[in-house]
Amino acid sequence: MKKLAIIVCACGLIFAGCQNKEVTEETTEPVAPQEEQMDPEMEKCKAMCEAWQNWDQQTDEMKAELIADRKAKITEQEARKAECEAKKAEFEAKKAEFEKTWAENWAKFDELSIDEQKALIDNYMMFNCPKRCCKGEGAPKCKHGEGSCQHNPAQCPNHGKAECPHHAK
């Protein structure tokens, strides 16, 4: 009987040890509401926009600062616009060069090496991918609707506008 009691106790201890009941202390700290932390640059921009809207209530110094800030932003935007136009011109030149040889190379596609076939297809997709955007560059990473397909700005209906996802920063 003693042996049976010892075996039952041992089995009970083993069974209790195998239960894997973890007792965790749940510390419930009151969750403090997180204040929206704005980027300092964003806060400055918001303040400048509000000041611009309230132009008549600004001091002459503040008006001069607002004008200087807007002038700097316009100068920056014009620089980006010029850069975009340069990329567009480069893209158009590459596209024209590609189109000159496209028909000839496509006609002899089966005679080309595997690497030449891949290069021809890559070039075709760079200039003819269905996903349109406006950076004016080629689209080597384009996955037919995925990723960053970068095409002719003339093909982007929102080029130069705030809706253009490639120029909104």
N, C-alpha and C. Protein backbone atom coordinates (compact mmCIF):
# COMPACT_ATOMS: atom_id res chain seq x y z
N MET A 1 0.82 -1.18 0.00
CA MET A 1 0.00 0.00 0.00
C MET A 1 0.86 1.25 0.00
N LYS A 2 1.98 1.20 0.74
CA LYS A 2 2.89 2.35 0.75
C LYS A 2 3.45 2.58 -0.64
N LYS A 3 3.79 1.50 -1.31
CA LYS A 3 4.36 1.64 -2.65
C LYS A 3 3.33 2.25 -3.60
N LEU A 4 2.11 1.84 -3.45
CA LEU A 4 1.05 2.37 -4.31
C LEU A 4 0.86 3.86 -4.05
N ALA A 5 0.90 4.28 -2.80
CA ALA A 5 0.76 5.69 -2.45
C ALA A 5 1.91 6.50 -3.01
N ILE A 6 3.13 5.95 -2.93
CA ILE A 6 4.32 6.64 -3.46
C ILE A 6 4.21 6.76 -4.98
N ILE A 7 3.77 5.70 -5.65
CA ILE A 7 3.63 5.73 -7.10
C ILE A 7 2.56 6.74 -7.51
N VAL A 8 1.45 6.78 -6.77
CA VAL A 8 0.38 7.74 -7.08
C VAL A 8 0.89 9.16 -6.87
N CYS A 9 1.63 9.40 -5.80
CA CYS A 9 2.19 10.74 -5.55
C CYS A 9 3.17 11.12 -6.65
N ALA A 10 4.05 10.18 -7.02
CA ALA A 10 5.03 10.46 -8.06
C ALA A 10 4.33 10.76 -9.39
N CYS A 11 3.32 9.95 -9.74
CA CYS A 11 2.57 10.19 -10.99
C CYS A 11 1.85 11.52 -10.92
N GLY A 12 1.33 11.84 -9.77
CA GLY A 12 0.63 13.12 -9.59
C GLY A 12 1.57 14.30 -9.79
N LEU A 13 2.78 14.18 -9.22
CA LEU A 13 3.78 15.24 -9.39
C LEU A 13 4.21 15.37 -10.85
N ILE A 14 4.43 14.24 -11.49
CA ILE A 14 4.83 14.27 -12.89
C ILE A 14 3.70 14.86 -13.74
N PHE A 15 2.50 14.42 -13.49
CA PHE A 15 1.36 14.93 -14.25
C PHE A 15 1.19 16.43 -14.03
N ALA A 16 1.33 16.88 -12.80
CA ALA A 16 1.20 18.31 -12.49
C ALA A 16 2.33 19.10 -13.15
N GLY A 17 3.52 18.53 -13.20
CA GLY A 17 4.66 19.20 -13.82
C GLY A 17 4.52 19.30 -15.33
N CYS A 18 3.81 18.39 -15.93
CA CYS A 18 3.65 18.38 -17.38
C CYS A 18 2.48 19.23 -17.85
N GLN A 19 1.77 19.82 -16.95
CA GLN A 19 0.60 20.62 -17.33
C GLN A 19 0.99 21.89 -18.09
N ASN A 20 2.19 22.43 -17.92
CA ASN A 20 2.67 23.63 -18.62
C ASN A 20 1.78 24.84 -18.35
N LYS A 21 1.31 24.92 -17.16
CA LYS A 21 0.53 26.10 -16.82
C LYS A 21 1.50 27.16 -16.33
N GLU A 22 1.63 28.16 -17.13
CA GLU A 22 2.53 29.24 -16.75
C GLU A 22 1.72 30.32 -16.06
N VAL A 23 2.17 30.67 -14.90
CA VAL A 23 1.51 31.73 -14.19
C VAL A 23 2.25 33.00 -14.53
N THR A 24 1.57 33.88 -15.19
CA THR A 24 2.20 35.15 -15.55
C THR A 24 1.49 36.26 -14.83
N GLU A 25 2.28 37.14 -14.34
CA GLU A 25 1.71 38.28 -13.65
C GLU A 25 1.40 39.32 -14.70
N GLU A 26 0.16 39.62 -14.80
CA GLU A 26 -0.24 40.62 -15.76
C GLU A 26 -0.20 41.97 -15.08
N THR A 27 0.70 42.76 -15.54
CA THR A 27 0.78 44.11 -15.01
C THR A 27 0.01 45.00 -15.95
N THR A 28 -1.05 45.48 -15.48
CA THR A 28 -1.86 46.36 -16.31
C THR A 28 -1.62 47.78 -15.88
N GLU A 29 -0.80 48.42 -16.66
CA GLU A 29 -0.54 49.83 -16.39
C GLU A 29 -1.53 50.62 -17.23
N PRO A 30 -2.01 51.66 -16.70
CA PRO A 30 -2.92 52.47 -17.49
C PRO A 30 -2.19 53.00 -18.73
N VAL A 31 -2.80 52.81 -19.85
CA VAL A 31 -2.18 53.24 -21.10
C VAL A 31 -2.39 54.73 -21.25
N ALA A 32 -1.28 55.41 -21.26
CA ALA A 32 -1.36 56.86 -21.41
C ALA A 32 -1.63 57.18 -22.88
N PRO A 33 -2.57 58.04 -23.14
CA PRO A 33 -2.83 58.39 -24.53
C PRO A 33 -1.60 59.06 -25.13
N GLN A 34 -1.18 58.52 -26.27
CA GLN A 34 0.00 59.07 -26.91
C GLN A 34 -0.37 60.36 -27.62
N GLU A 35 0.40 61.34 -27.34
CA GLU A 35 0.19 62.60 -28.02
C GLU A 35 0.76 62.46 -29.42
N GLU A 36 0.05 63.03 -30.36
CA GLU A 36 0.57 62.99 -31.71
C GLU A 36 1.82 63.84 -31.76
N GLN A 37 2.90 63.18 -32.11
CA GLN A 37 4.16 63.90 -32.19
C GLN A 37 4.40 64.25 -33.66
N MET A 38 4.38 65.51 -33.93
CA MET A 38 4.60 65.97 -35.28
C MET A 38 6.08 66.21 -35.49
N ASP A 39 6.47 66.00 -36.68
CA ASP A 39 7.83 66.31 -37.09
C ASP A 39 8.00 67.83 -36.94
N PRO A 40 9.11 68.29 -36.39
CA PRO A 40 9.30 69.74 -36.23
C PRO A 40 9.17 70.50 -37.56
N GLU A 41 9.63 69.88 -38.62
CA GLU A 41 9.51 70.51 -39.94
C GLU A 41 8.04 70.64 -40.34
N MET A 42 7.25 69.60 -40.02
CA MET A 42 5.82 69.63 -40.33
C MET A 42 5.12 70.70 -39.51
N GLU A 43 5.49 70.82 -38.25
CA GLU A 43 4.89 71.85 -37.40
C GLU A 43 5.20 73.24 -37.94
N LYS A 44 6.44 73.44 -38.37
CA LYS A 44 6.84 74.73 -38.92
C LYS A 44 6.04 75.02 -40.19
N CYS A 45 5.89 74.01 -41.04
CA CYS A 45 5.15 74.17 -42.28
C CYS A 45 3.69 74.53 -42.00
N LYS A 46 3.10 73.84 -41.03
CA LYS A 46 1.71 74.10 -40.67
C LYS A 46 1.56 75.53 -40.15
N ALA A 47 2.50 75.95 -39.31
CA ALA A 47 2.45 77.31 -38.76
C ALA A 47 2.60 78.34 -39.88
N MET A 48 3.48 78.07 -40.85
CA MET A 48 3.68 78.99 -41.96
C MET A 48 2.41 79.07 -42.82
N CYS A 49 1.77 77.94 -43.04
CA CYS A 49 0.53 77.93 -43.83
C CYS A 49 -0.57 78.73 -43.14
N GLU A 50 -0.67 78.55 -41.84
CA GLU A 50 -1.67 79.31 -41.09
C GLU A 50 -1.36 80.80 -41.13
N ALA A 51 -0.08 81.14 -41.01
CA ALA A 51 0.32 82.54 -41.07
C ALA A 51 0.02 83.12 -42.46
N TRP A 52 0.25 82.33 -43.49
CA TRP A 52 -0.04 82.79 -44.85
C TRP A 52 -1.53 83.07 -45.02
N GLN A 53 -2.36 82.19 -44.43
CA GLN A 53 -3.81 82.38 -44.52
C GLN A 53 -4.25 83.65 -43.78
N ASN A 54 -3.53 84.00 -42.74
CA ASN A 54 -3.85 85.20 -41.96
C ASN A 54 -2.87 86.33 -42.29
N TRP A 55 -2.68 86.56 -43.54
CA TRP A 55 -1.68 87.51 -44.04
C TRP A 55 -1.84 88.91 -43.43
N ASP A 56 -3.06 89.38 -43.37
CA ASP A 56 -3.30 90.75 -42.90
C ASP A 56 -2.94 90.95 -41.44
N GLN A 57 -2.90 89.90 -40.67
CA GLN A 57 -2.60 90.02 -39.25
C GLN A 57 -1.12 89.83 -38.94
N GLN A 58 -0.28 89.69 -39.95
CA GLN A 58 1.15 89.44 -39.74
C GLN A 58 1.94 90.75 -39.70
N THR A 59 3.04 90.70 -38.97
CA THR A 59 3.94 91.86 -38.93
C THR A 59 4.73 91.89 -40.23
N ASP A 60 5.38 93.02 -40.48
CA ASP A 60 6.17 93.14 -41.71
C ASP A 60 7.32 92.14 -41.72
N GLU A 61 7.92 91.88 -40.56
CA GLU A 61 9.01 90.90 -40.49
C GLU A 61 8.50 89.50 -40.83
N MET A 62 7.32 89.17 -40.30
CA MET A 62 6.75 87.85 -40.56
C MET A 62 6.36 87.72 -42.02
N LYS A 63 5.83 88.79 -42.60
CA LYS A 63 5.48 88.76 -44.02
C LYS A 63 6.73 88.53 -44.87
N ALA A 64 7.82 89.20 -44.52
CA ALA A 64 9.08 89.02 -45.26
C ALA A 64 9.57 87.58 -45.13
N GLU A 65 9.44 87.01 -43.93
CA GLU A 65 9.85 85.62 -43.72
C GLU A 65 8.98 84.66 -44.54
N LEU A 66 7.68 84.91 -44.56
CA LEU A 66 6.77 84.07 -45.34
C LEU A 66 7.10 84.14 -46.83
N ILE A 67 7.37 85.34 -47.31
CA ILE A 67 7.72 85.51 -48.73
C ILE A 67 9.03 84.78 -49.03
N ALA A 68 10.03 84.91 -48.17
CA ALA A 68 11.31 84.24 -48.39
C ALA A 68 11.15 82.72 -48.39
N ASP A 69 10.33 82.23 -47.46
CA ASP A 69 10.08 80.79 -47.39
C ASP A 69 9.40 80.28 -48.65
N ARG A 70 8.38 80.98 -49.10
CA ARG A 70 7.67 80.57 -50.33
C ARG A 70 8.60 80.67 -51.54
N LYS A 71 9.43 81.69 -51.59
CA LYS A 71 10.36 81.84 -52.70
C LYS A 71 11.33 80.66 -52.74
N ALA A 72 11.84 80.27 -51.57
CA ALA A 72 12.77 79.13 -51.50
C ALA A 72 12.09 77.85 -51.96
N LYS A 73 10.84 77.65 -51.55
CA LYS A 73 10.11 76.45 -51.97
C LYS A 73 9.86 76.44 -53.47
N ILE A 74 9.52 77.59 -54.04
CA ILE A 74 9.29 77.67 -55.48
C ILE A 74 10.60 77.43 -56.23
N THR A 75 11.69 77.98 -55.74
CA THR A 75 12.99 77.76 -56.38
C THR A 75 13.34 76.28 -56.35
N GLU A 76 13.11 75.63 -55.23
CA GLU A 76 13.36 74.19 -55.11
C GLU A 76 12.47 73.40 -56.07
N GLN A 77 11.21 73.78 -56.16
CA GLN A 77 10.28 73.08 -57.05
C GLN A 77 10.70 73.27 -58.51
N GLU A 78 11.13 74.46 -58.86
CA GLU A 78 11.58 74.71 -60.24
C GLU A 78 12.84 73.90 -60.56
N ALA A 79 13.72 73.73 -59.57
CA ALA A 79 14.92 72.91 -59.78
C ALA A 79 14.53 71.46 -60.02
N ARG A 80 13.58 70.96 -59.23
CA ARG A 80 13.10 69.59 -59.43
C ARG A 80 12.43 69.44 -60.79
N LYS A 81 11.69 70.47 -61.18
CA LYS A 81 11.01 70.45 -62.47
C LYS A 81 12.03 70.39 -63.61
N ALA A 82 13.11 71.18 -63.50
CA ALA A 82 14.16 71.16 -64.52
C ALA A 82 14.84 69.81 -64.56
N GLU A 83 15.09 69.23 -63.39
CA GLU A 83 15.69 67.90 -63.32
C GLU A 83 14.79 66.86 -63.98
N CYS A 84 13.50 66.98 -63.72
CA CYS A 84 12.52 66.06 -64.31
C CYS A 84 12.51 66.21 -65.83
N GLU A 85 12.57 67.43 -66.31
CA GLU A 85 12.58 67.66 -67.75
C GLU A 85 13.85 67.07 -68.39
N ALA A 86 14.98 67.19 -67.68
CA ALA A 86 16.22 66.61 -68.20
C ALA A 86 16.11 65.09 -68.26
N LYS A 87 15.55 64.49 -67.22
CA LYS A 87 15.36 63.03 -67.22
C LYS A 87 14.39 62.62 -68.32
N LYS A 88 13.37 63.44 -68.52
CA LYS A 88 12.39 63.15 -69.57
C LYS A 88 13.07 63.17 -70.94
N ALA A 89 13.91 64.16 -71.18
CA ALA A 89 14.61 64.26 -72.46
C ALA A 89 15.54 63.06 -72.66
N GLU A 90 16.23 62.68 -71.59
CA GLU A 90 17.12 61.51 -71.66
C GLU A 90 16.32 60.25 -71.96
N PHE A 91 15.19 60.10 -71.29
CA PHE A 91 14.32 58.95 -71.51
C PHE A 91 13.82 58.92 -72.96
N GLU A 92 13.40 60.06 -73.47
CA GLU A 92 12.89 60.13 -74.84
C GLU A 92 13.98 59.76 -75.84
N ALA A 93 15.22 60.19 -75.57
CA ALA A 93 16.33 59.84 -76.47
C ALA A 93 16.58 58.33 -76.45
N LYS A 94 16.55 57.73 -75.26
CA LYS A 94 16.74 56.28 -75.16
C LYS A 94 15.60 55.55 -75.85
N LYS A 95 14.40 56.05 -75.69
CA LYS A 95 13.23 55.41 -76.30
C LYS A 95 13.32 55.49 -77.82
N ALA A 96 13.72 56.65 -78.35
CA ALA A 96 13.85 56.80 -79.80
C ALA A 96 14.90 55.84 -80.34
N GLU A 97 16.02 55.70 -79.63
CA GLU A 97 17.08 54.77 -80.04
C GLU A 97 16.56 53.34 -80.02
N PHE A 98 15.82 52.98 -78.99
CA PHE A 98 15.25 51.65 -78.89
C PHE A 98 14.27 51.37 -80.04
N GLU A 99 13.41 52.34 -80.31
CA GLU A 99 12.40 52.14 -81.36
C GLU A 99 13.01 51.99 -82.75
N LYS A 100 14.19 52.59 -82.97
CA LYS A 100 14.87 52.45 -84.27
C LYS A 100 15.21 50.99 -84.56
N THR A 101 15.66 50.29 -83.52
CA THR A 101 16.15 48.92 -83.72
C THR A 101 15.16 47.85 -83.28
N TRP A 102 14.06 48.26 -82.68
CA TRP A 102 13.12 47.30 -82.12
C TRP A 102 12.63 46.29 -83.15
N ALA A 103 12.07 46.75 -84.25
CA ALA A 103 11.47 45.84 -85.24
C ALA A 103 12.51 44.86 -85.79
N GLU A 104 13.68 45.37 -86.07
CA GLU A 104 14.75 44.52 -86.61
C GLU A 104 15.16 43.45 -85.59
N ASN A 105 15.36 43.86 -84.36
CA ASN A 105 15.77 42.91 -83.32
C ASN A 105 14.65 41.92 -82.99
N TRP A 106 13.41 42.36 -83.01
CA TRP A 106 12.30 41.46 -82.71
C TRP A 106 12.14 40.43 -83.81
N ALA A 107 12.38 40.81 -85.04
CA ALA A 107 12.26 39.88 -86.16
C ALA A 107 13.28 38.75 -86.05
N LYS A 108 14.44 39.03 -85.53
CA LYS A 108 15.47 37.99 -85.39
C LYS A 108 15.63 37.54 -83.93
N PHE A 109 14.56 37.65 -83.17
CA PHE A 109 14.57 37.31 -81.74
C PHE A 109 15.09 35.91 -81.48
N ASP A 110 14.63 34.91 -82.24
CA ASP A 110 15.02 33.52 -82.01
C ASP A 110 16.49 33.28 -82.29
N GLU A 111 17.13 34.14 -83.07
CA GLU A 111 18.54 34.00 -83.40
C GLU A 111 19.44 34.61 -82.33
N LEU A 112 18.88 35.43 -81.45
CA LEU A 112 19.66 36.09 -80.42
C LEU A 112 20.01 35.12 -79.29
N SER A 113 21.08 35.44 -78.57
CA SER A 113 21.45 34.62 -77.42
C SER A 113 20.44 34.88 -76.30
N ILE A 114 20.45 34.03 -75.29
CA ILE A 114 19.52 34.16 -74.16
C ILE A 114 19.69 35.52 -73.49
N ASP A 115 20.93 35.94 -73.27
CA ASP A 115 21.17 37.24 -72.63
C ASP A 115 20.68 38.39 -73.50
N GLU A 116 20.87 38.28 -74.83
CA GLU A 116 20.39 39.32 -75.74
C GLU A 116 18.86 39.35 -75.76
N GLN A 117 18.23 38.18 -75.69
CA GLN A 117 16.77 38.12 -75.65
C GLN A 117 16.25 38.79 -74.38
N LYS A 118 16.91 38.48 -73.25
CA LYS A 118 16.50 39.10 -71.98
C LYS A 118 16.66 40.62 -72.05
N ALA A 119 17.79 41.08 -72.59
CA ALA A 119 18.03 42.52 -72.69
C ALA A 119 16.97 43.19 -73.57
N LEU A 120 16.60 42.53 -74.67
CA LEU A 120 15.58 43.09 -75.56
C LEU A 120 14.23 43.17 -74.85
N ILE A 121 13.88 42.13 -74.12
CA ILE A 121 12.62 42.13 -73.37
C ILE A 121 12.65 43.19 -72.28
N ASP A 122 13.77 43.29 -71.55
CA ASP A 122 13.89 44.31 -70.51
C ASP A 122 13.71 45.71 -71.10
N ASN A 123 14.35 45.96 -72.22
CA ASN A 123 14.23 47.27 -72.86
C ASN A 123 12.80 47.53 -73.32
N TYR A 124 12.17 46.50 -73.87
CA TYR A 124 10.78 46.66 -74.30
C TYR A 124 9.90 47.03 -73.12
N MET A 125 10.07 46.31 -72.01
CA MET A 125 9.25 46.58 -70.82
C MET A 125 9.56 47.96 -70.24
N MET A 126 10.78 48.41 -70.37
CA MET A 126 11.15 49.72 -69.85
C MET A 126 10.33 50.81 -70.55
N PHE A 127 10.09 50.63 -71.83
CA PHE A 127 9.40 51.66 -72.59
C PHE A 127 7.91 51.37 -72.80
N ASN A 128 7.46 50.16 -72.52
CA ASN A 128 6.08 49.79 -72.83
C ASN A 128 5.32 49.14 -71.68
N CYS A 129 5.81 49.22 -70.49
CA CYS A 129 5.13 48.62 -69.35
C CYS A 129 3.78 49.31 -69.15
N PRO A 130 2.73 48.56 -68.84
CA PRO A 130 1.42 49.17 -68.67
C PRO A 130 1.30 50.11 -67.47
N LYS A 131 2.15 49.96 -66.48
CA LYS A 131 2.08 50.86 -65.33
C LYS A 131 2.79 52.16 -65.70
N ARG A 132 2.10 53.24 -65.60
CA ARG A 132 2.64 54.53 -66.01
C ARG A 132 2.99 55.36 -64.78
N CYS A 133 4.05 56.12 -64.91
CA CYS A 133 4.41 57.08 -63.89
C CYS A 133 5.25 58.17 -64.54
N CYS A 134 5.87 59.02 -63.75
CA CYS A 134 6.38 60.23 -64.37
C CYS A 134 7.80 60.61 -63.98
N LYS A 135 8.64 59.70 -63.59
CA LYS A 135 9.98 60.11 -63.22
C LYS A 135 10.87 60.33 -64.44
N GLY A 136 10.46 59.85 -65.59
CA GLY A 136 11.25 60.08 -66.78
C GLY A 136 12.44 59.16 -66.89
N GLU A 137 12.43 58.08 -66.16
CA GLU A 137 13.53 57.13 -66.20
C GLU A 137 13.00 55.80 -66.72
N GLY A 138 13.88 54.86 -66.91
CA GLY A 138 13.47 53.53 -67.32
C GLY A 138 12.88 52.79 -66.15
N ALA A 139 12.46 51.56 -66.40
CA ALA A 139 11.79 50.80 -65.36
C ALA A 139 12.39 49.42 -65.20
N PRO A 140 13.67 49.30 -64.86
CA PRO A 140 14.25 47.98 -64.75
C PRO A 140 13.66 47.15 -63.63
N LYS A 141 13.05 47.76 -62.62
CA LYS A 141 12.49 47.01 -61.50
C LYS A 141 11.00 46.78 -61.65
N CYS A 142 10.43 47.15 -62.76
CA CYS A 142 8.99 47.05 -62.93
C CYS A 142 8.57 45.58 -62.99
N LYS A 143 7.53 45.24 -62.27
CA LYS A 143 7.00 43.88 -62.25
C LYS A 143 5.58 43.88 -62.77
N HIS A 144 5.33 44.60 -63.85
CA HIS A 144 4.02 44.66 -64.49
C HIS A 144 2.92 45.05 -63.52
N GLY A 145 3.05 46.24 -62.99
CA GLY A 145 2.03 46.74 -62.07
C GLY A 145 2.50 46.77 -60.64
N GLU A 146 3.66 46.21 -60.35
CA GLU A 146 4.18 46.23 -58.99
C GLU A 146 5.45 47.08 -58.99
N GLY A 147 5.86 47.49 -57.82
CA GLY A 147 7.14 48.15 -57.68
C GLY A 147 7.17 49.54 -58.26
N SER A 148 8.35 49.97 -58.61
CA SER A 148 8.51 51.34 -59.09
C SER A 148 8.78 51.33 -60.59
N CYS A 149 7.75 51.52 -61.34
CA CYS A 149 7.84 51.60 -62.79
C CYS A 149 8.00 53.08 -63.13
N GLN A 150 9.06 53.44 -63.79
CA GLN A 150 9.33 54.86 -64.00
C GLN A 150 9.33 55.17 -65.49
N HIS A 151 8.30 55.86 -65.91
CA HIS A 151 8.14 56.13 -67.33
C HIS A 151 8.10 57.62 -67.64
N ASN A 152 7.67 57.89 -68.81
CA ASN A 152 7.62 59.21 -69.38
C ASN A 152 6.65 60.12 -68.63
N PRO A 153 7.10 61.31 -68.22
CA PRO A 153 6.19 62.23 -67.54
C PRO A 153 4.98 62.62 -68.39
N ALA A 154 5.13 62.59 -69.69
CA ALA A 154 4.01 62.95 -70.56
C ALA A 154 2.87 61.94 -70.43
N GLN A 155 3.19 60.73 -69.95
CA GLN A 155 2.19 59.69 -69.81
C GLN A 155 1.54 59.70 -68.43
N CYS A 156 1.97 60.59 -67.57
CA CYS A 156 1.41 60.68 -66.22
C CYS A 156 0.37 61.79 -66.20
N PRO A 157 -0.90 61.46 -65.98
CA PRO A 157 -1.94 62.49 -65.99
C PRO A 157 -1.80 63.49 -64.85
N ASN A 158 -1.10 63.12 -63.79
CA ASN A 158 -0.95 64.00 -62.64
C ASN A 158 0.45 64.58 -62.52
N HIS A 159 1.23 64.51 -63.58
CA HIS A 159 2.61 64.98 -63.52
C HIS A 159 2.66 66.46 -63.09
N GLY A 160 3.48 66.73 -62.12
CA GLY A 160 3.64 68.10 -61.65
C GLY A 160 2.54 68.56 -60.70
N LYS A 161 1.58 67.70 -60.42
CA LYS A 161 0.50 68.05 -59.50
C LYS A 161 0.72 67.35 -58.17
N ALA A 162 0.01 67.79 -57.17
CA ALA A 162 0.13 67.19 -55.84
C ALA A 162 -0.31 65.73 -55.86
N GLU A 163 -1.21 65.35 -56.78
CA GLU A 163 -1.70 63.98 -56.84
C GLU A 163 -0.66 63.00 -57.37
N CYS A 164 0.41 63.51 -57.97
CA CYS A 164 1.43 62.65 -58.55
C CYS A 164 2.19 61.96 -57.43
N PRO A 165 2.08 60.63 -57.30
CA PRO A 165 2.71 59.94 -56.18
C PRO A 165 4.23 59.96 -56.27
N HIS A 166 4.78 60.29 -57.42
CA HIS A 166 6.23 60.25 -57.58
C HIS A 166 6.88 61.60 -57.28
N HIS A 167 6.08 62.62 -57.10
CA HIS A 167 6.64 63.91 -56.77
C HIS A 167 6.17 64.44 -55.42
N ALA A 168 5.28 63.72 -54.78
CA ALA A 168 4.82 64.13 -53.46
C ALA A 168 5.82 63.62 -52.43
N LYS A 169 6.50 64.52 -51.79
CA LYS A 169 7.50 64.13 -50.79
C LYS A 169 7.19 64.76 -49.48
